[in-house]
C-alpha cells in the first residue's frame, strides 16, 4: 500500500516555532505537497522534507540557523504528529499523508 496520493504527492502540514518561522517568510504554518519519492527513489522521509523545505520554502539566506551539514541543527526539536521524532526514527521516518511536522527552536541569542 502506497502512502502517497494519486498525484504522487503527500499532503502534510509543517509548523515552525521558537523563531524558526522568520526563516520561512514569517509564516508559522505551511501546507506542503511533498513529492512521494525522495532522493534515490526512496519514499519521502524527514531528511528529504528538510531538503525540500530549504529549497522551496526558506526565504531567509541563513540556512545554517535551520540545518548544519544537511541535518537539523542541534537545539531544534522536531515533533511528528505531536511525538518526539526520536521515537519515530528521526530523519528516516517515512512521511505519511496528513502528517503534522513541527520544528521548534530552543536556541536563544545572547
Protein backbone atom coordinates (compact mmCIF):
# COMPACT_ATOMS: atom_id res chain seq x y z
CA UNK A 1 0.00 0.00 0.00
CA UNK A 2 1.40 3.35 -1.05
CA UNK A 3 1.49 6.28 1.34
CA UNK A 4 1.16 8.78 -1.49
CA UNK A 5 -1.87 10.22 -3.15
CA UNK A 6 -2.68 9.52 -6.79
CA UNK A 7 -0.83 12.69 -7.82
CA UNK A 8 2.46 11.35 -6.47
CA UNK A 9 2.47 13.91 -3.68
CA UNK A 10 1.86 13.65 0.04
CA UNK A 11 -0.17 16.44 1.68
CA UNK A 12 1.29 17.42 5.06
CA UNK A 13 1.35 20.38 7.42
CA UNK A 14 4.65 21.84 8.58
CA UNK A 15 4.81 24.26 11.52
CA UNK A 16 7.73 26.40 12.71
CA UNK A 17 8.07 27.90 16.18
CA UNK A 18 10.62 29.43 18.52
CA UNK A 19 11.84 31.92 15.91
CA UNK A 20 12.27 29.48 13.02
CA UNK A 21 9.26 31.00 11.29
CA UNK A 22 11.41 34.05 10.45
CA UNK A 23 13.40 31.83 8.08
CA UNK A 24 10.22 30.77 6.30
CA UNK A 25 8.68 34.10 5.31
CA UNK A 26 7.47 34.77 8.89
CA UNK A 27 4.82 32.12 8.38
CA UNK A 28 4.31 29.58 11.17
CA UNK A 29 2.19 27.05 9.25
CA UNK A 30 2.75 25.73 5.75
CA UNK A 31 0.59 23.32 3.80
CA UNK A 32 3.07 21.25 1.83
CA UNK A 33 2.56 18.87 -1.08
CA UNK A 34 5.69 16.78 -0.72
CA UNK A 35 6.81 14.58 -3.63
CA UNK A 36 6.14 10.97 -2.58
CA UNK A 37 9.54 9.81 -3.79
CA UNK A 38 12.63 11.38 -2.34
CA UNK A 39 16.32 11.24 -3.11
CA UNK A 40 17.48 7.97 -4.64
CA UNK A 41 13.94 6.82 -5.39
CA UNK A 42 13.20 6.10 -1.73
CA UNK A 43 9.87 7.01 -0.09
CA UNK A 44 9.87 10.60 1.13
CA UNK A 45 11.24 10.84 4.66
CA UNK A 46 12.09 13.61 7.12
CA UNK A 47 15.59 14.03 5.66
CA UNK A 48 14.04 14.65 2.22
CA UNK A 49 11.46 17.01 3.76
CA UNK A 50 14.25 19.09 5.31
CA UNK A 51 15.95 19.46 1.90
CA UNK A 52 12.61 20.26 0.27
CA UNK A 53 11.81 22.94 2.85
CA UNK A 54 15.22 24.59 2.46
CA UNK A 55 14.98 24.60 -1.32
CA UNK A 56 11.33 25.58 -1.75
CA UNK A 57 10.11 27.38 1.37
CA UNK A 58 13.07 29.04 3.09
CA UNK A 59 13.13 32.75 2.28
CA UNK A 60 16.00 33.74 4.57
CA UNK A 61 19.56 33.11 3.30
CA UNK A 62 20.72 31.98 6.75
CA UNK A 63 20.01 28.26 6.24
CA UNK A 64 22.64 27.46 8.90
CA UNK A 65 20.09 28.52 11.52
CA UNK A 66 17.98 25.51 10.49
CA UNK A 67 20.40 22.95 9.09
CA UNK A 68 24.01 22.06 9.73
CA UNK A 69 25.77 19.65 7.35
CA UNK A 70 22.39 18.81 5.74
CA UNK A 71 20.89 17.74 9.09
CA UNK A 72 18.64 19.56 11.53
CA UNK A 73 20.83 21.76 13.66
CA UNK A 74 21.25 20.80 17.33
CA UNK A 75 18.83 22.72 19.50
CA UNK A 76 15.85 22.25 17.19
CA UNK A 77 13.14 19.92 18.42
CA UNK A 78 11.16 18.00 15.83
CA UNK A 79 7.72 16.61 16.56
CA UNK A 80 5.91 14.23 14.22
CA UNK A 81 2.19 14.22 14.99
CA UNK A 82 2.96 15.53 18.50
CA UNK A 83 5.55 12.79 19.19
CA UNK A 84 9.29 13.38 19.53
CA UNK A 85 10.94 12.37 16.26
CA UNK A 86 13.43 10.26 18.22
CA UNK A 87 10.54 7.86 18.89
CA UNK A 88 9.68 7.76 15.18
CA UNK A 89 13.12 7.12 13.66
CA UNK A 90 14.26 10.73 13.25
CA UNK A 91 15.28 11.55 9.65
CA UNK A 92 14.44 8.03 8.45
CA UNK A 93 10.73 8.40 9.30
CA UNK A 94 8.66 7.94 6.14
CA UNK A 95 6.19 10.78 5.68
CA UNK A 96 2.53 9.77 5.70
CA UNK A 97 -0.42 11.74 4.28
CA UNK A 98 -1.71 14.43 6.64
CA UNK A 99 1.27 14.21 8.99
CA UNK A 100 1.95 17.31 11.04
CA UNK A 101 5.65 18.09 11.42
CA UNK A 102 6.64 20.75 13.95
CA UNK A 103 10.11 22.31 14.15
CA UNK A 104 10.78 24.24 17.39
CA UNK A 105 13.96 26.18 18.03
CA UNK A 106 15.23 26.05 21.59
CA UNK A 107 18.18 28.29 20.72
CA UNK A 108 18.30 31.79 22.18
CA UNK A 109 20.62 34.60 21.19
CA UNK A 110 22.82 36.08 23.81
